[in-house]
Amino acid sequence: MSTHITARGTTAAPGEAGGGAGLGAPLDLRNSHSRGFGLGFVVKLVLMALINAFGLYGILAAWAAGSWGILAFLALALIVADLVYFLPGRKILPAKYLYPGLIFLLIFQIFVVLYTAATAFTNYGDGHNATKTAAISQLTTTYEQRVEGSQAYPVTVLEGDDGLALATVQDDQVLVGAADQPLAPLEDATVTDGRVVEAPGYEVLDYGGVVAAADELTDLRVPVSGQEADDAALRTDDGRTAYVYESTLVHDEAADAMVADDGTVYANNGEGAFVGPEGEALRPGWRVFVGLDNFAAIFDPAVLGGPFVSVTLWTFAFAILSVALTFFLGLLLAILFNDEKLRFRNVYRAIIFLPYAFPAFLSILIWAGLLNTDYGFVNEILLGGAGVPWLDNPWLARISLLLVNLWLGFPYMFLVTTGALQSIPSEIYESSEMDGAGPVRQFGSITLPMLMVAVGPMLIASFAMNFNNFNVIYLLTGGGPQDVESTTGVGATDILISFVYKIAFAGGTNDYGLASALSILIFIMVAVISALTFRRSKALEEIS
């Protein structure tokens, strides 16, 4: 009895019943394919709806925030995503895999570099965070005082189409005003117990609404007219009672200056601030383009020149020594435990791997406690109560950093070099022994050169990582011990990245423009050194 195989499936043998639902029934691949295509089409439609929903949400959020650059990027990214993932055809198949990585590259690398570069040419920092218009508004608000002898206004907070407004009852008349509308009569309003409870065209905010709008209410200034001064305005902090305030600073648009009530003129100095006749600057200022001033300040001995040179030298020393120490210790242990005659070598390898498996964040904090001068384990137990200032003396703090970084980094080098050693053919060593080469000659002529081909790129990456190894500096020494004579807060163990952090966030001035300029220099240093090293080692060249 034979069975016939057709393109549509398996048919019954000759003489047997066919066409039923049993094993002999023909398999209709067309129907199966149709069902699969239908399911795939539904899944594809759902994915398309989700992607476009998230994309439109981001576009609308950018529109509401007025971020037109982000809006344009999101719109373009959404259009490209629809074309790549939902356009039929196989020619664009590689783009389906490359597109997510390209988007993340643009957001987390290209955008960050470009934004940092743009910031480096501005005075962005503490006191220079916003626009000139916002700075003038803030100065006017900051330098305001309550008008002496002015009455208190019982007010009700309203919300209209243009934002918040204040309503008050004066001489049996309801007055309503907003930020751009002086107090004016409002007809048909309902008053209960001297307060407005209903106002046509407005919503009366209850206590919860007032609390929710507290920030906007604090910034609200309602101009008053009549017997009050022309520049006076109502201001309330609690939404119940308002007082008349007037600013002691007025912006003179013609002279582009702030004029105080005593006649003092604070002129625009062209550097993002209004400055008085004796050189005192009003805060806040605003962001302006300063050209190469930030880069000049880095190399100026009177500003950052001295600290920059010393920090740069220590950064290079720390990165080079960290890579060299971890590599050679890891290599030494890898050679020792690569001997097949050594018993329990897998156990030893597992023990050596433990420092790398333990979170570095916790390891560094533990080492900071162990090296504490007064009650650390090293001084109290191992050294019998000696008061060695491991983290308080500049040179001992540097040595401690290198030792702790060695503890954290050698297991990684051990793993890398172990794999590289095992890839070297044993026949090469056998041939060298026949030629009379000893262990030292084999290491210098065979092991090390062949290792460098395999691990060279990793050493370059390790150098770049240690060049910006912020965690170990910040958690172990905090960059200290600090130089008390320095105005920058720089310490003996600060590297460039921790120096940038102090300038941007911990120096009291929050000079983001200067910190961005330093970040650009760090980027250039690492990029140039990495490019030269890769070119010199030929690590990225293809083997012909």
Protein backbone atom coordinates (compact mmCIF):
# COMPACT_ATOMS: atom_id res chain seq x y z
CA MET A 1 0.00 0.00 0.00
CA SER A 2 1.59 3.29 -1.06
CA THR A 3 0.98 6.85 -0.02
CA HIS A 4 1.04 9.79 -2.42
CA ILE A 5 2.51 13.12 -1.32
CA THR A 6 1.20 16.15 -3.12
CA ALA A 7 1.91 19.86 -2.80
CA ARG A 8 -1.28 20.24 -0.87
CA GLY A 9 -0.58 17.57 1.71
CA THR A 10 -0.82 13.82 2.25
CA THR A 11 -3.60 11.93 0.46
CA ALA A 12 -5.05 8.55 1.21
CA ALA A 13 -3.58 5.48 -0.38
CA PRO A 14 -5.33 4.11 -3.48
CA GLY A 15 -8.55 2.42 -2.60
CA GLU A 16 -8.92 4.21 0.79
CA ALA A 17 -11.57 6.75 1.56
CA GLY A 18 -10.31 10.34 1.39
CA GLY A 19 -11.56 13.84 1.74
CA GLY A 20 -12.71 13.37 5.30
CA ALA A 21 -11.48 14.85 8.50
CA GLY A 22 -9.07 12.01 9.24
CA LEU A 23 -5.36 11.67 8.60
CA GLY A 24 -6.02 11.10 4.95
CA ALA A 25 -7.73 14.48 4.43
CA PRO A 26 -5.84 16.90 2.17
CA LEU A 27 -4.03 19.69 4.07
CA ASP A 28 -5.19 23.03 2.68
CA LEU A 29 -2.14 25.25 3.06
CA ARG A 30 -3.92 28.17 1.46
CA ASN A 31 -6.49 28.35 4.26
CA SER A 32 -3.76 27.99 6.89
CA HIS A 33 -1.74 30.77 5.29
CA SER A 34 -4.83 32.94 5.14
CA ARG A 35 -5.48 32.47 8.83
CA GLY A 36 -1.86 33.26 9.73
CA PHE A 37 -1.86 36.35 7.57
CA GLY A 38 -5.03 37.54 9.23
CA LEU A 39 -3.55 37.20 12.73
CA GLY A 40 -0.33 38.90 11.65
CA PHE A 41 -2.28 41.74 10.11
CA VAL A 42 -4.20 42.31 13.37
CA VAL A 43 -0.99 42.30 15.43
CA LYS A 44 0.62 44.69 12.99
CA LEU A 45 -2.39 46.99 13.17
CA VAL A 46 -2.30 47.00 16.99
CA LEU A 47 1.42 47.78 17.03
CA MET A 48 0.90 50.57 14.56
CA ALA A 49 -1.85 52.05 16.72
CA LEU A 50 0.31 51.87 19.87
CA ILE A 51 3.38 53.42 18.25
CA ASN A 52 1.37 56.25 16.75
CA ALA A 53 -0.50 56.82 20.02
CA PHE A 54 2.75 57.21 21.98
CA GLY A 55 4.23 59.33 19.21
CA LEU A 56 1.23 61.66 19.10
CA TYR A 57 1.25 61.95 22.89
CA GLY A 58 4.87 63.11 22.81
CA ILE A 59 4.14 65.54 19.96
CA LEU A 60 1.19 67.07 21.81
CA ALA A 61 3.20 67.32 25.04
CA ALA A 62 6.01 69.12 23.20
CA TRP A 63 3.46 71.43 21.60
CA ALA A 64 1.93 72.28 24.98
CA ALA A 65 5.41 73.01 26.40
CA GLY A 66 6.40 75.11 23.38
CA SER A 67 9.40 72.87 22.61
CA TRP A 68 9.31 73.20 18.84
CA GLY A 69 12.62 71.46 18.24
CA ILE A 70 11.53 68.38 20.16
CA LEU A 71 8.16 68.49 18.41
CA ALA A 72 9.82 68.47 14.98
CA PHE A 73 12.12 65.60 15.97
CA LEU A 74 9.25 63.49 17.32
CA ALA A 75 7.11 64.14 14.25
CA LEU A 76 9.94 63.15 11.92
CA ALA A 77 10.79 60.07 14.03
CA LEU A 78 7.15 58.95 13.99
CA ILE A 79 6.87 59.31 10.22
CA VAL A 80 10.08 57.34 9.66
CA ALA A 81 8.92 54.64 12.13
CA ASP A 82 5.66 54.20 10.20
CA LEU A 83 7.54 53.93 6.91
CA VAL A 84 10.13 51.48 8.27
CA TYR A 85 7.86 49.12 10.19
CA PHE A 86 4.58 49.25 8.29
CA LEU A 87 5.62 49.76 4.68
CA PRO A 88 5.50 46.45 2.80
CA GLY A 89 8.65 45.10 1.19
CA ARG A 90 11.85 43.36 2.21
CA LYS A 91 14.33 45.97 1.01
CA ILE A 92 13.94 47.96 4.22
CA LEU A 93 14.32 44.92 6.50
CA PRO A 94 17.76 45.99 7.85
CA ALA A 95 16.28 49.37 8.84
CA LYS A 96 13.84 47.61 11.17
CA TYR A 97 16.79 46.50 13.33
CA LEU A 98 18.92 49.63 12.93
CA TYR A 99 16.22 52.23 13.54
CA PRO A 100 15.79 51.82 17.35
CA GLY A 101 19.53 51.98 17.91
CA LEU A 102 19.78 55.04 15.67
CA ILE A 103 17.05 56.82 17.64
CA PHE A 104 18.74 56.09 20.97
CA LEU A 105 22.08 57.22 19.52
CA LEU A 106 20.56 60.53 18.48
CA ILE A 107 18.85 61.10 21.84
CA PHE A 108 21.47 59.90 24.33
CA GLN A 109 24.67 60.71 22.45
CA ILE A 110 24.37 63.22 19.60
CA PHE A 111 21.80 65.44 21.33
CA VAL A 112 23.71 65.42 24.63
CA VAL A 113 26.98 66.37 22.93
CA LEU A 114 25.36 69.14 20.87
CA TYR A 115 23.44 70.54 23.84
CA THR A 116 26.55 70.50 26.02
CA ALA A 117 28.54 72.21 23.27
CA ALA A 118 25.87 74.90 22.89
CA THR A 119 25.77 75.50 26.65
CA ALA A 120 29.56 75.86 26.78
CA PHE A 121 29.31 79.13 24.84
CA THR A 122 26.80 80.73 27.23
CA ASN A 123 26.83 82.05 30.79
CA TYR A 124 24.17 79.52 31.81
CA GLY A 125 24.33 79.00 35.56
CA ASP A 126 23.12 80.24 38.91
CA GLY A 127 21.52 83.64 38.36
CA HIS A 128 21.53 83.24 34.58
CA ASN A 129 18.94 80.55 34.00
CA ALA A 130 16.17 82.19 32.00
CA THR A 131 15.45 84.79 29.37
CA LYS A 132 15.83 88.54 29.74
CA THR A 133 12.06 89.02 29.90
CA ALA A 134 11.78 86.49 32.72
CA ALA A 135 14.68 88.15 34.56
CA ILE A 136 13.03 91.58 34.38
CA SER A 137 9.76 90.13 35.64
CA GLN A 138 11.53 88.37 38.49
CA LEU A 139 13.47 91.51 39.47
CA THR A 140 10.29 93.57 39.46
CA THR A 141 8.61 90.99 41.67
CA THR A 142 11.56 90.53 44.00
CA TYR A 143 12.10 94.23 44.63
CA GLU A 144 8.52 95.07 45.52
CA GLN A 145 7.14 96.24 48.83
CA ARG A 146 3.75 96.82 50.35
CA VAL A 147 2.40 100.32 49.87
CA GLU A 148 2.45 102.04 53.22
CA GLY A 149 -1.02 102.82 54.53
CA SER A 150 -2.83 100.83 51.83
CA GLN A 151 -5.96 98.92 52.78
CA ALA A 152 -6.47 95.16 52.80
CA TYR A 153 -8.71 93.69 50.11
CA PRO A 154 -10.85 90.65 50.93
CA VAL A 155 -10.63 88.68 47.69
CA THR A 156 -12.02 85.61 45.98
CA VAL A 157 -9.91 83.66 43.51
CA LEU A 158 -11.55 83.16 40.13
CA GLU A 159 -10.52 81.22 37.06
CA GLY A 160 -11.42 82.48 33.61
CA ASP A 161 -10.47 81.73 30.04
CA ASP A 162 -7.24 83.73 30.38
CA GLY A 163 -6.17 82.30 33.74
CA LEU A 164 -6.62 83.34 37.35
CA ALA A 165 -8.33 86.53 38.46
CA LEU A 166 -9.15 88.23 41.76
CA ALA A 167 -12.59 89.52 42.76
CA THR A 168 -13.21 91.92 45.63
CA VAL A 169 -16.14 93.94 46.97
CA GLN A 170 -15.58 97.67 47.41
CA ASP A 171 -18.37 100.11 48.28
CA ASP A 172 -21.03 97.51 47.45
CA GLN A 173 -19.50 97.04 44.00
CA VAL A 174 -17.84 93.90 42.68
CA LEU A 175 -14.44 94.51 41.10
CA VAL A 176 -12.59 91.84 39.08
CA GLY A 177 -9.07 92.02 37.71
CA ALA A 178 -6.44 89.74 36.17
CA ALA A 179 -2.76 89.98 35.34
CA ASP A 180 -3.43 91.98 32.17
CA GLN A 181 -6.68 93.60 33.31
CA PRO A 182 -6.91 96.23 36.10
CA LEU A 183 -9.69 96.01 38.64
CA ALA A 184 -12.97 96.84 36.91
CA PRO A 185 -16.67 96.52 37.84
CA LEU A 186 -18.43 93.24 37.05
CA GLU A 187 -22.20 93.15 36.74
CA ASP A 188 -24.56 90.40 37.92
CA ALA A 189 -22.09 88.91 40.42
CA THR A 190 -23.46 87.26 43.59
CA VAL A 191 -22.07 88.39 46.95
CA THR A 192 -22.49 86.62 50.28
CA ASP A 193 -21.08 87.95 53.56
CA GLY A 194 -18.96 90.47 51.71
CA ARG A 195 -17.38 87.95 49.35
CA VAL A 196 -18.09 87.00 45.75
CA VAL A 197 -19.61 83.52 45.45
CA GLU A 198 -20.68 83.66 41.79
CA ALA A 199 -19.21 85.66 38.89
CA PRO A 200 -20.48 85.49 35.29
CA GLY A 201 -17.79 84.16 32.96
CA TYR A 202 -15.64 82.87 35.81
CA GLU A 203 -15.37 79.81 38.02
CA VAL A 204 -15.06 80.47 41.75
CA LEU A 205 -12.23 78.33 43.15
CA ASP A 206 -12.80 76.58 46.44
CA TYR A 207 -10.07 75.90 48.99
CA GLY A 208 -8.80 72.85 47.10
CA GLY A 209 -8.65 74.78 43.85
CA VAL A 210 -6.73 77.61 45.49
CA VAL A 211 -4.19 75.17 46.93
CA ALA A 212 -3.78 73.45 43.56
CA ALA A 213 -3.12 76.80 41.89
CA ALA A 214 -0.81 78.09 44.65
CA ASP A 215 2.22 78.61 42.40
CA GLU A 216 0.24 80.51 39.78
CA LEU A 217 -1.52 82.52 42.48
CA THR A 218 1.80 83.56 44.05
CA ASP A 219 2.94 85.01 40.72
CA LEU A 220 -0.37 86.80 40.06
CA ARG A 221 -0.26 90.60 40.11
CA VAL A 222 -3.52 92.49 39.44
CA PRO A 223 -3.04 96.17 38.52
CA VAL A 224 -5.08 98.63 40.53
CA SER A 225 -6.29 102.04 39.39
CA GLY A 226 -7.89 105.07 40.91
CA GLN A 227 -6.22 106.54 43.96
CA GLU A 228 -3.36 103.99 43.98
CA ALA A 229 -0.05 104.45 42.17
CA ASP A 230 0.10 103.59 38.48
CA ASP A 231 2.55 100.75 38.98
CA ALA A 232 0.83 99.26 42.04
CA ALA A 233 -0.79 95.85 41.99
CA LEU A 234 -2.78 93.54 44.23
CA ARG A 235 -0.96 90.47 45.54
CA THR A 236 -2.26 87.66 47.73
CA ASP A 237 -0.48 84.72 49.33
CA ASP A 238 -3.43 82.90 50.88
CA GLY A 239 -6.24 83.55 48.37
CA ARG A 240 -8.30 85.31 51.06
CA THR A 241 -6.72 88.73 51.58
CA ALA A 242 -4.77 90.85 49.11
CA TYR A 243 -2.58 93.88 49.65
CA VAL A 244 -1.31 96.60 47.37
CA TYR A 245 2.36 96.27 46.46
CA GLU A 246 4.58 98.37 44.25
CA SER A 247 7.99 97.59 42.84
CA THR A 248 11.01 99.63 43.82
CA LEU A 249 12.57 98.75 40.45
CA VAL A 250 11.14 99.78 37.09
CA HIS A 251 12.45 98.74 33.71
CA ASP A 252 13.27 101.65 31.43
CA GLU A 253 12.90 100.18 27.93
CA ALA A 254 14.43 103.20 26.19
CA ALA A 255 17.62 103.05 28.25
CA ASP A 256 17.47 99.26 28.70
CA ALA A 257 18.09 99.66 32.42
CA MET A 258 16.43 99.03 35.75
CA VAL A 259 15.72 102.22 37.69
CA ALA A 260 15.29 102.13 41.48
CA ASP A 261 12.90 104.38 43.35
CA ASP A 262 15.87 106.34 44.72
CA GLY A 263 17.04 107.11 41.17
CA THR A 264 19.83 104.52 40.99
CA VAL A 265 20.24 103.22 37.45
CA TYR A 266 21.28 99.60 36.84
CA ALA A 267 22.43 99.43 33.24
CA ASN A 268 22.61 96.39 30.98
CA ASN A 269 26.27 95.33 30.97
CA GLY A 270 25.89 93.19 27.85
CA GLU A 271 26.80 90.06 29.81
CA GLY A 272 23.37 89.05 31.01
CA ALA A 273 22.93 91.32 34.04
CA PHE A 274 21.90 94.79 35.14
CA VAL A 275 24.83 96.44 36.94
CA GLY A 276 24.79 99.49 39.20
CA PRO A 277 27.22 102.42 39.17
CA GLU A 278 29.48 100.74 41.73
CA GLY A 279 29.57 97.41 39.92
CA GLU A 280 26.90 95.60 41.93
CA ALA A 281 24.85 93.25 39.74
CA LEU A 282 21.16 92.55 40.22
CA ARG A 283 20.17 88.91 40.50
CA PRO A 284 18.82 87.13 38.60
CA GLY A 285 20.34 87.84 35.23
CA TRP A 286 19.68 86.02 31.95
CA ARG A 287 21.42 83.70 29.52
CA VAL A 288 23.55 85.25 26.80
CA PHE A 289 26.17 84.08 24.32
CA VAL A 290 29.67 84.63 25.73
CA GLY A 291 31.77 83.10 22.97
CA LEU A 292 35.03 81.54 24.16
CA ASP A 293 34.98 83.18 27.60
CA ASN A 294 34.37 79.88 29.41
CA PHE A 295 37.25 78.19 27.62
CA ALA A 296 39.49 81.18 28.35
CA ALA A 297 38.58 80.97 32.05
CA ILE A 298 39.70 77.34 32.15
CA PHE A 299 43.24 78.26 31.10
CA ASP A 300 43.35 81.58 32.94
CA PRO A 301 45.68 81.20 35.97
CA ALA A 302 43.55 83.70 37.88
CA VAL A 303 40.39 81.61 37.41
CA LEU A 304 40.81 77.87 36.81
CA GLY A 305 44.24 77.67 35.22
CA GLY A 306 46.09 76.35 38.27
CA PRO A 307 43.49 73.81 39.46
CA PHE A 308 42.83 72.69 35.88
CA VAL A 309 46.47 71.75 35.26
CA SER A 310 46.87 69.86 38.54
CA VAL A 311 43.55 68.04 38.16
CA THR A 312 44.36 67.10 34.55
CA LEU A 313 47.76 65.65 35.49
CA TRP A 314 46.24 63.58 38.29
CA THR A 315 43.42 62.43 35.98
CA PHE A 316 45.91 61.02 33.46
CA ALA A 317 48.00 59.46 36.23
CA PHE A 318 44.94 57.88 37.85
CA ALA A 319 43.60 56.47 34.56
CA ILE A 320 46.96 55.10 33.35
CA LEU A 321 47.96 53.58 36.69
CA SER A 322 44.51 52.06 37.22
CA VAL A 323 44.61 50.33 33.84
CA ALA A 324 48.21 49.17 34.25
CA LEU A 325 47.77 47.83 37.80
CA THR A 326 44.51 46.02 37.15
CA PHE A 327 45.77 44.55 33.87
CA PHE A 328 49.05 43.17 35.17
CA LEU A 329 47.55 41.82 38.40
CA GLY A 330 44.73 40.18 36.46
CA LEU A 331 47.22 38.79 33.95
CA LEU A 332 49.50 37.43 36.68
CA LEU A 333 46.63 35.61 38.36
CA ALA A 334 45.35 34.36 35.00
CA ILE A 335 48.76 32.86 34.20
CA LEU A 336 49.00 31.24 37.63
CA PHE A 337 45.54 29.69 37.44
CA ASN A 338 45.85 28.70 33.80
CA ASP A 339 48.11 25.80 34.76
CA GLU A 340 46.17 22.59 34.24
CA LYS A 341 48.20 20.88 36.96
CA LEU A 342 46.87 23.23 39.64
CA ARG A 343 44.24 21.55 41.81
CA PHE A 344 40.99 23.36 42.63
CA ARG A 345 41.80 26.13 40.14
CA ASN A 346 38.12 26.63 39.32
CA VAL A 347 37.47 27.31 43.00
CA TYR A 348 40.24 29.89 43.06
CA ARG A 349 38.85 31.51 39.93
CA ALA A 350 35.41 31.79 41.52
CA ILE A 351 36.89 33.41 44.65
CA ILE A 352 38.84 35.93 42.56
CA PHE A 353 35.66 36.80 40.66
CA LEU A 354 33.77 37.78 43.86
CA PRO A 355 34.92 41.45 44.06
CA TYR A 356 33.63 41.97 40.52
CA ALA A 357 30.30 40.28 41.29
CA PHE A 358 29.70 42.43 44.38
CA PRO A 359 28.14 45.87 43.59
CA ALA A 360 30.92 48.43 43.24
CA PHE A 361 28.76 51.09 44.89
CA LEU A 362 28.67 49.12 48.14
CA SER A 363 32.30 48.02 47.89
CA ILE A 364 33.52 51.60 47.71
CA LEU A 365 31.44 52.65 50.72
CA ILE A 366 32.75 49.66 52.69
CA TRP A 367 36.32 50.58 51.81
CA ALA A 368 35.65 54.17 52.92
CA GLY A 369 34.69 52.80 56.32
CA LEU A 370 37.63 50.39 56.48
CA LEU A 371 40.09 53.22 55.76
CA ASN A 372 38.57 55.69 58.21
CA THR A 373 41.29 57.34 60.28
CA ASP A 374 39.58 57.16 63.69
CA TYR A 375 37.61 53.91 63.74
CA GLY A 376 38.43 52.10 60.49
CA PHE A 377 39.21 48.37 60.54
CA VAL A 378 42.59 48.89 58.87
CA ASN A 379 43.86 51.30 61.53
CA GLU A 380 42.14 49.82 64.58
CA ILE A 381 42.66 46.08 63.95
CA LEU A 382 45.32 45.54 61.33
CA LEU A 383 47.63 48.36 62.45
CA GLY A 384 46.91 48.14 66.17
CA GLY A 385 45.25 51.52 66.65
CA ALA A 386 47.51 53.58 64.38
CA GLY A 387 45.99 56.84 63.19
CA VAL A 388 47.09 56.66 59.55
CA PRO A 389 45.18 59.36 57.61
CA TRP A 390 44.40 57.20 54.59
CA LEU A 391 41.75 59.54 53.22
CA ASP A 392 42.87 62.80 54.82
CA ASN A 393 46.44 63.06 53.52
CA PRO A 394 46.66 64.04 49.82
CA TRP A 395 49.21 61.39 48.79
CA LEU A 396 47.76 58.62 50.97
CA ALA A 397 44.30 59.42 49.59
CA ARG A 398 45.62 59.02 46.03
CA ILE A 399 47.28 55.70 46.94
CA SER A 400 44.06 54.53 48.62
CA LEU A 401 42.09 55.37 45.49
CA LEU A 402 44.44 53.34 43.32
CA LEU A 403 44.32 50.36 45.69
CA VAL A 404 40.53 50.40 45.93
CA ASN A 405 40.22 50.75 42.17
CA LEU A 406 42.66 47.86 41.82
CA TRP A 407 40.41 45.75 44.05
CA LEU A 408 37.40 46.64 41.93
CA GLY A 409 39.04 46.19 38.52
CA PHE A 410 41.44 43.26 38.60
CA PRO A 411 38.73 40.52 38.46
CA TYR A 412 37.55 41.89 35.12
CA MET A 413 41.07 41.85 33.72
CA PHE A 414 41.51 38.35 35.14
CA LEU A 415 38.48 37.11 33.21
CA VAL A 416 39.52 38.83 29.99
CA THR A 417 43.12 37.64 30.07
CA THR A 418 42.09 34.11 31.08
CA GLY A 419 40.00 33.79 27.94
CA ALA A 420 42.75 35.32 25.81
CA LEU A 421 45.39 32.96 27.25
CA GLN A 422 43.29 29.93 26.52
CA SER A 423 42.95 31.02 22.89
CA ILE A 424 46.74 30.94 22.32
CA PRO A 425 47.69 27.60 20.67
CA SER A 426 49.85 25.42 22.89
CA GLU A 427 51.95 24.41 19.87
CA ILE A 428 53.54 27.86 19.86
CA TYR A 429 54.88 27.35 23.38
CA GLU A 430 56.08 23.86 22.52
CA SER A 431 57.98 25.18 19.53
CA SER A 432 59.55 27.96 21.59
CA GLU A 433 60.68 25.47 24.23
CA MET A 434 62.38 23.42 21.54
CA ASP A 435 64.19 26.61 20.48
CA GLY A 436 65.35 27.13 24.06
CA ALA A 437 63.01 29.95 25.09
CA GLY A 438 62.35 30.18 28.83
CA PRO A 439 59.22 31.41 30.63
CA VAL A 440 60.36 35.05 30.61
CA ARG A 441 61.20 34.98 26.90
CA GLN A 442 57.89 33.24 26.13
CA PHE A 443 55.98 35.87 28.06
CA GLY A 444 57.70 38.79 26.32
CA SER A 445 57.74 37.35 22.80
CA ILE A 446 54.56 35.27 22.67
CA THR A 447 52.11 35.78 25.51
CA LEU A 448 52.10 39.57 25.86
CA PRO A 449 52.07 40.45 22.11
CA MET A 450 49.26 37.99 21.37
CA LEU A 451 47.33 39.18 24.41
CA MET A 452 47.57 42.80 23.33
CA VAL A 453 45.95 41.98 20.01
CA ALA A 454 42.95 40.51 21.82
CA VAL A 455 42.64 42.81 24.83
CA GLY A 456 44.03 46.05 23.36
CA PRO A 457 40.61 47.56 22.60
CA MET A 458 39.44 46.61 26.11
CA LEU A 459 42.42 48.39 27.66
CA ILE A 460 41.57 51.52 25.68
CA ALA A 461 37.94 51.30 26.85
CA SER A 462 39.16 50.76 30.42
CA PHE A 463 41.32 53.90 30.16
CA ALA A 464 38.32 55.93 28.94
CA MET A 465 36.19 54.56 31.78
CA ASN A 466 38.78 55.35 34.46
CA PHE A 467 39.36 58.78 32.94
CA ASN A 468 35.73 59.51 33.89
CA ASN A 469 35.46 57.21 36.92
CA PHE A 470 33.28 59.51 38.99
CA ASN A 471 31.88 56.87 41.35
CA VAL A 472 35.09 55.77 43.04
CA ILE A 473 36.26 59.39 43.51
CA TYR A 474 32.95 60.68 44.84
CA LEU A 475 32.14 57.76 47.14
CA LEU A 476 35.61 57.15 48.59
CA THR A 477 37.16 60.59 49.05
CA GLY A 478 34.63 63.07 47.64
CA GLY A 479 37.58 64.54 45.74
CA GLY A 480 39.26 65.47 49.02
CA PRO A 481 41.15 66.35 50.99
CA GLN A 482 40.05 69.80 49.87
CA ASP A 483 42.43 72.64 49.15
CA VAL A 484 41.21 75.28 51.60
CA GLU A 485 42.93 78.06 49.65
CA SER A 486 41.11 77.22 46.42
CA THR A 487 37.95 79.11 45.50
CA THR A 488 36.75 76.25 43.28
CA GLY A 489 36.43 73.62 46.03
CA VAL A 490 38.90 71.35 44.21
CA GLY A 491 40.54 68.56 46.21
CA ALA A 492 43.73 66.52 45.94
CA THR A 493 41.98 63.48 44.45
CA ASP A 494 39.56 65.27 42.13
CA ILE A 495 39.70 64.14 38.53
CA LEU A 496 38.28 66.19 35.69
CA ILE A 497 34.78 64.70 35.85
CA SER A 498 34.45 65.29 39.62
CA PHE A 499 35.86 68.78 39.07
CA VAL A 500 33.09 69.38 36.53
CA TYR A 501 30.53 68.11 39.04
CA LYS A 502 31.71 70.56 41.70
CA ILE A 503 31.61 73.50 39.29
CA ALA A 504 28.13 72.58 38.08
CA PHE A 505 26.42 71.41 41.26
CA ALA A 506 28.54 71.63 44.41
CA GLY A 507 30.58 74.80 44.11
CA GLY A 508 27.90 77.27 45.18
CA THR A 509 27.85 79.05 41.80
CA ASN A 510 26.30 76.29 39.65
CA ASP A 511 28.17 77.48 36.57
CA TYR A 512 26.75 75.14 33.93
CA GLY A 513 28.37 77.00 31.05
CA LEU A 514 31.87 76.60 32.50
CA ALA A 515 31.16 72.98 33.42
CA SER A 516 29.98 72.30 29.86
CA ALA A 517 33.18 73.81 28.46
CA LEU A 518 35.21 71.48 30.68
CA SER A 519 33.07 68.54 29.57
CA ILE A 520 33.82 69.36 25.93
CA LEU A 521 37.55 69.37 26.71
CA ILE A 522 37.23 65.99 28.44
CA PHE A 523 35.38 64.62 25.42
CA ILE A 524 38.12 65.88 23.08
CA MET A 525 40.89 64.45 25.26
CA VAL A 526 39.34 60.99 25.47
CA ALA A 527 38.40 60.95 21.78
CA VAL A 528 41.87 61.98 20.60
CA ILE A 529 43.71 59.57 22.90
CA SER A 530 41.39 56.70 21.99
CA ALA A 531 41.71 57.41 18.25
CA LEU A 532 45.50 57.61 18.41
CA THR A 533 45.74 54.46 20.50
CA PHE A 534 43.45 52.50 18.21
CA ARG A 535 45.42 53.68 15.20
CA ARG A 536 48.75 52.86 16.81
CA SER A 537 47.65 49.42 17.98
CA LYS A 538 45.76 48.70 14.70
CA ALA A 539 43.13 47.01 16.88
CA LEU A 540 40.24 47.92 14.61
CA GLU A 541 41.89 47.07 11.31
CA GLU A 542 40.66 44.03 9.46
CA ILE A 543 43.00 41.07 9.19
CA SER A 544 43.83 40.41 5.56
